[in-house]
């Protein structure tokens, strides 16, 4: 018997940050795509499924604009099960307007397509209805070239409690899965009893890293305990 399973340590973050509040964790959701077009090659555009995460932090709220910092942005786009682009960076999100609300997103990224990281600056401005706390980033590269022009259409949502599950369990091994949009995680365990029941990291083997789901193999010794996933910053 594996013992009691727990998702302790996950926060329910469903609202935009308020003044003085901690940043809100966001995920780039399934259905999001990234492209790297060659404007002179004539090749068709290939949409790359994309997952990732970032934090949204309130910077200023002075009528008519509300300004948020986009921090710790990490994303991967895929061709099949292969990572085509890996990116990191930060940016700003500005909501403004009296009668028609506009959303302005600017991202300063480092994007690696396997040949080394390149600086990518993107921006977009568009009008939208009430979508908060969810946002759509429709960004296009402003410093692109005729051979490489990066663009993205990402749907983003606040991170809800991590929906992870045991896929299979035997006496010696368990396989757990979680949404790829939450990024790489560590597995932790603590005993059911004891005065100093501290969480300790469990060595795992990633058995699948796809565009929708990550899976990891967890060694088990039959002792049971509480298990959880843990992300850096938590």
C-alpha atoms as a PDB file:
ATOM      1  CA  UNK A   1       0.000   0.000   0.000  1.00  0.00           C
ATOM      2  CA  UNK A   2       1.484   3.318  -1.035  1.00  0.00           C
ATOM      3  CA  UNK A   3       0.094   5.357   1.832  1.00  0.00           C
ATOM      4  CA  UNK A   4      -1.576   8.732   1.916  1.00  0.00           C
ATOM      5  CA  UNK A   5      -0.967  11.076  -1.022  1.00  0.00           C
ATOM      6  CA  UNK A   6      -0.989  14.817  -0.547  1.00  0.00           C
ATOM      7  CA  UNK A   7      -0.892  17.885  -2.796  1.00  0.00           C
ATOM      8  CA  UNK A   8       0.088  20.107   0.117  1.00  0.00           C
ATOM      9  CA  UNK A   9       2.039  23.202  -0.627  1.00  0.00           C
ATOM     10  CA  UNK A  10       0.124  24.334  -3.707  1.00  0.00           C
ATOM     11  CA  UNK A  11      -1.536  27.737  -3.666  1.00  0.00           C
ATOM     12  CA  UNK A  12      -4.854  28.634  -5.230  1.00  0.00           C
ATOM     13  CA  UNK A  13      -4.073  31.793  -7.186  1.00  0.00           C
ATOM     14  CA  UNK A  14      -7.069  32.938  -9.211  1.00  0.00           C
ATOM     15  CA  UNK A  15      -7.021  36.737  -9.033  1.00  0.00           C
ATOM     16  CA  UNK A  16      -4.750  39.371 -10.448  1.00  0.00           C
ATOM     17  CA  UNK A  17      -2.222  40.726  -7.950  1.00  0.00           C
ATOM     18  CA  UNK A  18      -3.285  43.695  -5.859  1.00  0.00           C
ATOM     19  CA  UNK A  19      -1.099  46.493  -4.571  1.00  0.00           C
ATOM     20  CA  UNK A  20       1.534  45.017  -2.280  1.00  0.00           C
ATOM     21  CA  UNK A  21       0.481  41.453  -3.071  1.00  0.00           C
ATOM     22  CA  UNK A  22       2.820  38.640  -4.039  1.00  0.00           C
ATOM     23  CA  UNK A  23       3.169  37.860  -7.764  1.00  0.00           C
ATOM     24  CA  UNK A  24       0.622  35.511  -9.293  1.00  0.00           C
ATOM     25  CA  UNK A  25       1.922  32.388 -11.043  1.00  0.00           C
ATOM     26  CA  UNK A  26       0.672  31.965 -14.623  1.00  0.00           C
ATOM     27  CA  UNK A  27       0.945  29.110 -17.126  1.00  0.00           C
ATOM     28  CA  UNK A  28       1.007  29.120 -20.933  1.00  0.00           C
ATOM     29  CA  UNK A  29      -1.852  26.764 -21.652  1.00  0.00           C
ATOM     30  CA  UNK A  30      -2.318  23.897 -24.144  1.00  0.00           C
ATOM     31  CA  UNK A  31      -3.424  25.245 -27.511  1.00  0.00           C
ATOM     32  CA  UNK A  32      -0.775  27.974 -27.427  1.00  0.00           C
ATOM     33  CA  UNK A  33       1.505  28.113 -30.459  1.00  0.00           C
ATOM     34  CA  UNK A  34       4.848  29.627 -31.446  1.00  0.00           C
ATOM     35  CA  UNK A  35       6.211  30.142 -34.971  1.00  0.00           C
ATOM     36  CA  UNK A  36       9.561  31.072 -36.512  1.00  0.00           C
ATOM     37  CA  UNK A  37       8.844  32.223 -40.076  1.00  0.00           C
ATOM     38  CA  UNK A  38      11.191  32.769 -43.003  1.00  0.00           C
ATOM     39  CA  UNK A  39       9.615  35.638 -44.915  1.00  0.00           C
ATOM     40  CA  UNK A  40      11.607  34.985 -48.109  1.00  0.00           C
ATOM     41  CA  UNK A  41      11.694  31.173 -48.147  1.00  0.00           C
ATOM     42  CA  UNK A  42       8.111  30.512 -49.166  1.00  0.00           C
ATOM     43  CA  UNK A  43       7.847  27.610 -46.743  1.00  0.00           C
ATOM     44  CA  UNK A  44       4.546  27.099 -44.920  1.00  0.00           C
ATOM     45  CA  UNK A  45       4.165  28.317 -41.362  1.00  0.00           C
ATOM     46  CA  UNK A  46       4.537  25.443 -38.900  1.00  0.00           C
ATOM     47  CA  UNK A  47       2.699  26.020 -35.592  1.00  0.00           C
ATOM     48  CA  UNK A  48       4.667  24.680 -32.634  1.00  0.00           C
ATOM     49  CA  UNK A  49       2.654  23.687 -29.518  1.00  0.00           C
ATOM     50  CA  UNK A  50       3.991  25.675 -26.596  1.00  0.00           C
ATOM     51  CA  UNK A  51       4.013  25.379 -22.814  1.00  0.00           C
ATOM     52  CA  UNK A  52       5.577  27.583 -20.188  1.00  0.00           C
ATOM     53  CA  UNK A  53       5.142  29.725 -17.108  1.00  0.00           C
ATOM     54  CA  UNK A  54       5.761  33.196 -15.683  1.00  0.00           C
ATOM     55  CA  UNK A  55       4.759  35.451 -12.807  1.00  0.00           C
ATOM     56  CA  UNK A  56       2.620  38.581 -13.004  1.00  0.00           C
ATOM     57  CA  UNK A  57       3.377  41.348 -10.493  1.00  0.00           C
ATOM     58  CA  UNK A  58       1.555  44.672 -10.106  1.00  0.00           C
ATOM     59  CA  UNK A  59       3.926  47.618 -10.632  1.00  0.00           C
ATOM     60  CA  UNK A  60       1.664  50.675 -10.850  1.00  0.00           C
ATOM     61  CA  UNK A  61      -2.021  51.487 -10.892  1.00  0.00           C
ATOM     62  CA  UNK A  62      -2.581  55.073 -11.985  1.00  0.00           C
ATOM     63  CA  UNK A  63      -5.708  55.843 -14.006  1.00  0.00           C
ATOM     64  CA  UNK A  64      -6.151  54.999 -16.833  1.00  0.00           C
ATOM     65  CA  UNK A  65      -3.257  52.502 -16.892  1.00  0.00           C
ATOM     66  CA  UNK A  66      -2.500  49.445 -14.795  1.00  0.00           C
ATOM     67  CA  UNK A  67       1.023  48.124 -15.284  1.00  0.00           C
ATOM     68  CA  UNK A  68       2.201  44.601 -14.479  1.00  0.00           C
ATOM     69  CA  UNK A  69       5.690  43.115 -14.693  1.00  0.00           C
ATOM     70  CA  UNK A  70       6.008  39.758 -16.446  1.00  0.00           C
ATOM     71  CA  UNK A  71       8.803  37.963 -14.606  1.00  0.00           C
ATOM     72  CA  UNK A  72      10.605  34.620 -14.835  1.00  0.00           C
ATOM     73  CA  UNK A  73       9.120  33.728 -18.217  1.00  0.00           C
ATOM     74  CA  UNK A  74      10.190  30.275 -19.430  1.00  0.00           C
ATOM     75  CA  UNK A  75       8.711  28.479 -22.424  1.00  0.00           C
ATOM     76  CA  UNK A  76       9.314  25.532 -24.743  1.00  0.00           C
ATOM     77  CA  UNK A  77       7.792  24.996 -28.179  1.00  0.00           C
ATOM     78  CA  UNK A  78       7.726  21.535 -29.743  1.00  0.00           C
ATOM     79  CA  UNK A  79       7.859  19.766 -33.095  1.00  0.00           C
ATOM     80  CA  UNK A  80       6.474  16.388 -32.164  1.00  0.00           C
ATOM     81  CA  UNK A  81       8.184  15.508 -28.886  1.00  0.00           C
ATOM     82  CA  UNK A  82      11.308  17.517 -29.714  1.00  0.00           C
ATOM     83  CA  UNK A  83      11.897  20.965 -28.244  1.00  0.00           C
ATOM     84  CA  UNK A  84      12.208  23.372 -31.198  1.00  0.00           C
ATOM     85  CA  UNK A  85      12.570  26.613 -29.234  1.00  0.00           C
ATOM     86  CA  UNK A  86      13.491  27.256 -25.605  1.00  0.00           C
ATOM     87  CA  UNK A  87      13.042  30.781 -24.333  1.00  0.00           C
ATOM     88  CA  UNK A  88      13.488  32.826 -21.189  1.00  0.00           C
ATOM     89  CA  UNK A  89      12.841  36.460 -20.415  1.00  0.00           C
ATOM     90  CA  UNK A  90      10.596  39.110 -18.913  1.00  0.00           C
ATOM     91  CA  UNK A  91       8.351  41.944 -19.986  1.00  0.00           C
ATOM     92  CA  UNK A  92       5.415  44.192 -19.181  1.00  0.00           C
ATOM     93  CA  UNK A  93       1.651  44.006 -19.456  1.00  0.00           C
ATOM     94  CA  UNK A  94      -0.228  47.319 -19.573  1.00  0.00           C
ATOM     95  CA  UNK A  95      -4.011  47.575 -19.331  1.00  0.00           C
ATOM     96  CA  UNK A  96      -5.397  51.016 -20.152  1.00  0.00           C
ATOM     97  CA  UNK A  97      -8.229  53.027 -21.645  1.00  0.00           C
ATOM     98  CA  UNK A  98     -11.386  54.794 -20.549  1.00  0.00           C
ATOM     99  CA  UNK A  99     -14.069  53.136 -22.669  1.00  0.00           C
ATOM    100  CA  UNK A 100     -12.147  50.598 -24.778  1.00  0.00           C
ATOM    101  CA  UNK A 101      -9.625  48.657 -22.751  1.00  0.00           C
ATOM    102  CA  UNK A 102      -6.384  47.949 -24.569  1.00  0.00           C
ATOM    103  CA  UNK A 103      -3.769  45.382 -23.656  1.00  0.00           C
ATOM    104  CA  UNK A 104      -0.133  46.068 -24.485  1.00  0.00           C
ATOM    105  CA  UNK A 105       2.398  43.268 -24.034  1.00  0.00           C
ATOM    106  CA  UNK A 106       6.143  43.743 -24.483  1.00  0.00           C
ATOM    107  CA  UNK A 107       8.513  40.805 -24.057  1.00  0.00           C
ATOM    108  CA  UNK A 108      12.321  40.852 -23.949  1.00  0.00           C
ATOM    109  CA  UNK A 109      13.414  37.279 -24.623  1.00  0.00           C
ATOM    110  CA  UNK A 110      16.406  35.061 -25.232  1.00  0.00           C
ATOM    111  CA  UNK A 111      15.280  32.295 -27.600  1.00  0.00           C
ATOM    112  CA  UNK A 112      17.395  29.253 -28.483  1.00  0.00           C
ATOM    113  CA  UNK A 113      16.497  27.242 -31.596  1.00  0.00           C
ATOM    114  CA  UNK A 114      19.365  24.817 -31.089  1.00  0.00           C
ATOM    115  CA  UNK A 115      21.972  27.076 -32.667  1.00  0.00           C
ATOM    116  CA  UNK A 116      22.411  29.404 -29.687  1.00  0.00           C
ATOM    117  CA  UNK A 117      20.360  32.036 -27.901  1.00  0.00           C
ATOM    118  CA  UNK A 118      19.196  35.105 -29.793  1.00  0.00           C
ATOM    119  CA  UNK A 119      17.690  38.322 -28.460  1.00  0.00           C
ATOM    120  CA  UNK A 120      14.022  38.633 -29.386  1.00  0.00           C
ATOM    121  CA  UNK A 121      11.907  41.737 -28.734  1.00  0.00           C
ATOM    122  CA  UNK A 122       8.164  41.366 -29.220  1.00  0.00           C
ATOM    123  CA  UNK A 123       5.166  43.608 -28.744  1.00  0.00           C
ATOM    124  CA  UNK A 124       1.438  43.732 -29.368  1.00  0.00           C
ATOM    125  CA  UNK A 125      -1.450  46.094 -28.706  1.00  0.00           C
ATOM    126  CA  UNK A 126      -5.089  45.126 -29.092  1.00  0.00           C
ATOM    127  CA  UNK A 127      -8.523  45.799 -27.675  1.00  0.00           C
ATOM    128  CA  UNK A 128     -10.355  43.078 -25.827  1.00  0.00           C
ATOM    129  CA  UNK A 129     -13.364  42.403 -23.679  1.00  0.00           C
ATOM    130  CA  UNK A 130     -13.316  41.300 -20.062  1.00  0.00           C
ATOM    131  CA  UNK A 131     -10.916  38.353 -19.879  1.00  0.00           C
ATOM    132  CA  UNK A 132      -9.206  38.927 -16.567  1.00  0.00           C
ATOM    133  CA  UNK A 133      -7.535  37.129 -14.975  1.00  0.00           C
ATOM    134  CA  UNK A 134      -6.794  35.247 -18.237  1.00  0.00           C
ATOM    135  CA  UNK A 135      -4.831  36.862 -21.054  1.00  0.00           C
ATOM    136  CA  UNK A 136      -3.961  36.111 -24.669  1.00  0.00           C
ATOM    137  CA  UNK A 137      -0.474  37.173 -25.765  1.00  0.00           C
ATOM    138  CA  UNK A 138      -0.432  37.734 -29.532  1.00  0.00           C
ATOM    139  CA  UNK A 139       3.119  38.966 -29.953  1.00  0.00           C
ATOM    140  CA  UNK A 140       5.272  39.521 -33.035  1.00  0.00           C
ATOM    141  CA  UNK A 141       9.019  40.064 -33.166  1.00  0.00           C
ATOM    142  CA  UNK A 142       9.977  43.692 -33.712  1.00  0.00           C
ATOM    143  CA  UNK A 143      13.671  42.963 -34.379  1.00  0.00           C
ATOM    144  CA  UNK A 144      13.154  39.984 -36.686  1.00  0.00           C
ATOM    145  CA  UNK A 145      14.863  39.346 -40.012  1.00  0.00           C
ATOM    146  CA  UNK A 146      13.685  38.109 -43.418  1.00  0.00           C
ATOM    147  CA  UNK A 147      15.005  34.651 -42.518  1.00  0.00           C
ATOM    148  CA  UNK A 148      13.805  34.463 -38.903  1.00  0.00           C
ATOM    149  CA  UNK A 149      10.760  36.258 -37.530  1.00  0.00           C
ATOM    150  CA  UNK A 150       9.381  34.966 -34.251  1.00  0.00           C
ATOM    151  CA  UNK A 151       5.725  35.233 -33.257  1.00  0.00           C
ATOM    152  CA  UNK A 152       3.504  33.674 -30.643  1.00  0.00           C
ATOM    153  CA  UNK A 153      -0.154  33.261 -29.794  1.00  0.00           C
ATOM    154  CA  UNK A 154      -0.308  32.147 -26.183  1.00  0.00           C
ATOM    155  CA  UNK A 155      -3.315  31.688 -23.924  1.00  0.00           C
ATOM    156  CA  UNK A 156      -2.328  32.256 -20.308  1.00  0.00           C
ATOM    157  CA  UNK A 157      -4.171  31.481 -17.088  1.00  0.00           C
ATOM    158  CA  UNK A 158      -3.372  31.697 -13.371  1.00  0.00           C
ATOM    159  CA  UNK A 159      -1.940  28.454 -12.038  1.00  0.00           C
ATOM    160  CA  UNK A 160      -4.510  26.429 -10.129  1.00  0.00           C
ATOM    161  CA  UNK A 161      -3.599  23.627  -7.728  1.00  0.00           C
ATOM    162  CA  UNK A 162      -1.365  21.207  -9.596  1.00  0.00           C
ATOM    163  CA  UNK A 163      -3.390  18.354 -11.050  1.00  0.00           C
ATOM    164  CA  UNK A 164      -0.913  15.499 -10.779  1.00  0.00           C
ATOM    165  CA  UNK A 165      -1.724  11.813 -10.585  1.00  0.00           C
ATOM    166  CA  UNK A 166      -0.224   8.389 -10.230  1.00  0.00           C
ATOM    167  CA  UNK A 167      -0.251   6.662 -13.623  1.00  0.00           C
ATOM    168  CA  UNK A 168       0.988   3.309 -12.338  1.00  0.00           C
ATOM    169  CA  UNK A 169       2.232   1.927  -9.030  1.00  0.00           C
ATOM    170  CA  UNK A 170       4.111  -1.258  -8.218  1.00  0.00           C
ATOM    171  CA  UNK A 171       6.026  -2.420  -5.143  1.00  0.00           C
ATOM    172  CA  UNK A 172       9.204  -0.744  -6.367  1.00  0.00           C
ATOM    173  CA  UNK A 173       8.149   2.059  -8.713  1.00  0.00           C
ATOM    174  CA  UNK A 174       5.433   4.621  -9.331  1.00  0.00           C
ATOM    175  CA  UNK A 175       4.918   6.816 -12.386  1.00  0.00           C
ATOM    176  CA  UNK A 176       3.436  10.265 -11.826  1.00  0.00           C
ATOM    177  CA  UNK A 177       2.224  12.788 -14.398  1.00  0.00           C
ATOM    178  CA  UNK A 178       1.484  16.517 -14.382  1.00  0.00           C
ATOM    179  CA  UNK A 179       0.664  19.230 -16.959  1.00  0.00           C
ATOM    180  CA  UNK A 180       3.685  20.317 -18.995  1.00  0.00           C
ATOM    181  CA  UNK A 181       2.498  23.929 -18.651  1.00  0.00           C
ATOM    182  CA  UNK A 182       3.741  23.845 -15.036  1.00  0.00           C
ATOM    183  CA  UNK A 183       7.311  23.066 -16.120  1.00  0.00           C
ATOM    184  CA  UNK A 184       9.915  20.815 -14.565  1.00  0.00           C
ATOM    185  CA  UNK A 185       9.295  19.788 -10.957  1.00  0.00           C
ATOM    186  CA  UNK A 186      10.966  17.805  -8.228  1.00  0.00           C
ATOM    187  CA  UNK A 187       9.250  15.024  -6.280  1.00  0.00           C
ATOM    188  CA  UNK A 188       9.365  15.180  -2.503  1.00  0.00           C
ATOM    189  CA  UNK A 189       8.357  12.749   0.224  1.00  0.00           C
ATOM    190  CA  UNK A 190       8.081  12.797   3.973  1.00  0.00           C
ATOM    191  CA  UNK A 191       7.216  10.022   6.438  1.00  0.00           C
ATOM    192  CA  UNK A 192       3.730   9.770   7.903  1.00  0.00           C
ATOM    193  CA  UNK A 193       4.953  10.150  11.469  1.00  0.00           C
ATOM    194  CA  UNK A 194       7.866  11.418  13.472  1.00  0.00           C
ATOM    195  CA  UNK A 195       8.640  14.639  15.290  1.00  0.00           C
ATOM    196  CA  UNK A 196      10.808  16.072  12.502  1.00  0.00           C
ATOM    197  CA  UNK A 197       8.832  14.974   9.451  1.00  0.00           C
ATOM    198  CA  UNK A 198      10.644  17.047   6.830  1.00  0.00           C
ATOM    199  CA  UNK A 199      10.170  16.935   3.079  1.00  0.00           C
ATOM    200  CA  UNK A 200      13.110  15.395   1.223  1.00  0.00           C
ATOM    201  CA  UNK A 201      13.683  15.204  -2.507  1.00  0.00           C
ATOM    202  CA  UNK A 202      13.217  11.850  -4.225  1.00  0.00           C
ATOM    203  CA  UNK A 203      15.468  10.934  -7.149  1.00  0.00           C
ATOM    204  CA  UNK A 204      13.253  10.514 -10.232  1.00  0.00           C
ATOM    205  CA  UNK A 205      13.714   9.612 -13.869  1.00  0.00           C
ATOM    206  CA  UNK A 206      11.833  11.637 -16.468  1.00  0.00           C
ATOM    207  CA  UNK A 207      10.200   9.078 -18.730  1.00  0.00           C
ATOM    208  CA  UNK A 208       8.205  11.485 -20.912  1.00  0.00           C
ATOM    209  CA  UNK A 209       8.506  15.221 -21.600  1.00  0.00           C
ATOM    210  CA  UNK A 210       5.839  15.999 -24.142  1.00  0.00           C
ATOM    211  CA  UNK A 211       4.070  19.217 -25.120  1.00  0.00           C
ATOM    212  CA  UNK A 212       1.044  18.401 -22.949  1.00  0.00           C
ATOM    213  CA  UNK A 213       2.276  16.231 -20.083  1.00  0.00           C
ATOM    214  CA  UNK A 214       5.425  15.379 -18.122  1.00  0.00           C
ATOM    215  CA  UNK A 215       5.873  11.942 -16.556  1.00  0.00           C
ATOM    216  CA  UNK A 216       8.449  10.775 -14.057  1.00  0.00           C
ATOM    217  CA  UNK A 217       9.358   7.398 -12.587  1.00  0.00           C
ATOM    218  CA  UNK A 218       9.572   7.442  -8.775  1.00  0.00           C
ATOM    219  CA  UNK A 219      11.400   4.672  -6.866  1.00  0.00           C
ATOM    220  CA  UNK A 220       9.327   3.220  -4.008  1.00  0.00           C
ATOM    221  CA  UNK A 221      10.480   1.199  -1.030  1.00  0.00           C
ATOM    222  CA  UNK A 222       7.121   0.143   0.352  1.00  0.00           C
ATOM    223  CA  UNK A 223       7.370   2.495   3.327  1.00  0.00           C
ATOM    224  CA  UNK A 224       4.644   4.830   2.076  1.00  0.00           C
ATOM    225  CA  UNK A 225       4.456   8.437   3.162  1.00  0.00           C
ATOM    226  CA  UNK A 226       3.256  11.750   1.794  1.00  0.00           C
ATOM    227  CA  UNK A 227       4.312  12.680  -1.724  1.00  0.00           C
ATOM    228  CA  UNK A 228       4.132  16.009  -3.529  1.00  0.00           C
ATOM    229  CA  UNK A 229       5.509  17.885  -6.540  1.00  0.00           C
ATOM    230  CA  UNK A 230       7.556  20.998  -5.868  1.00  0.00           C
ATOM    231  CA  UNK A 231       8.502  23.885  -8.128  1.00  0.00           C
ATOM    232  CA  UNK A 232      11.336  26.338  -7.544  1.00  0.00           C
ATOM    233  CA  UNK A 233      10.078  29.470  -5.837  1.00  0.00           C
ATOM    234  CA  UNK A 234       7.460  27.653  -3.765  1.00  0.00           C
END
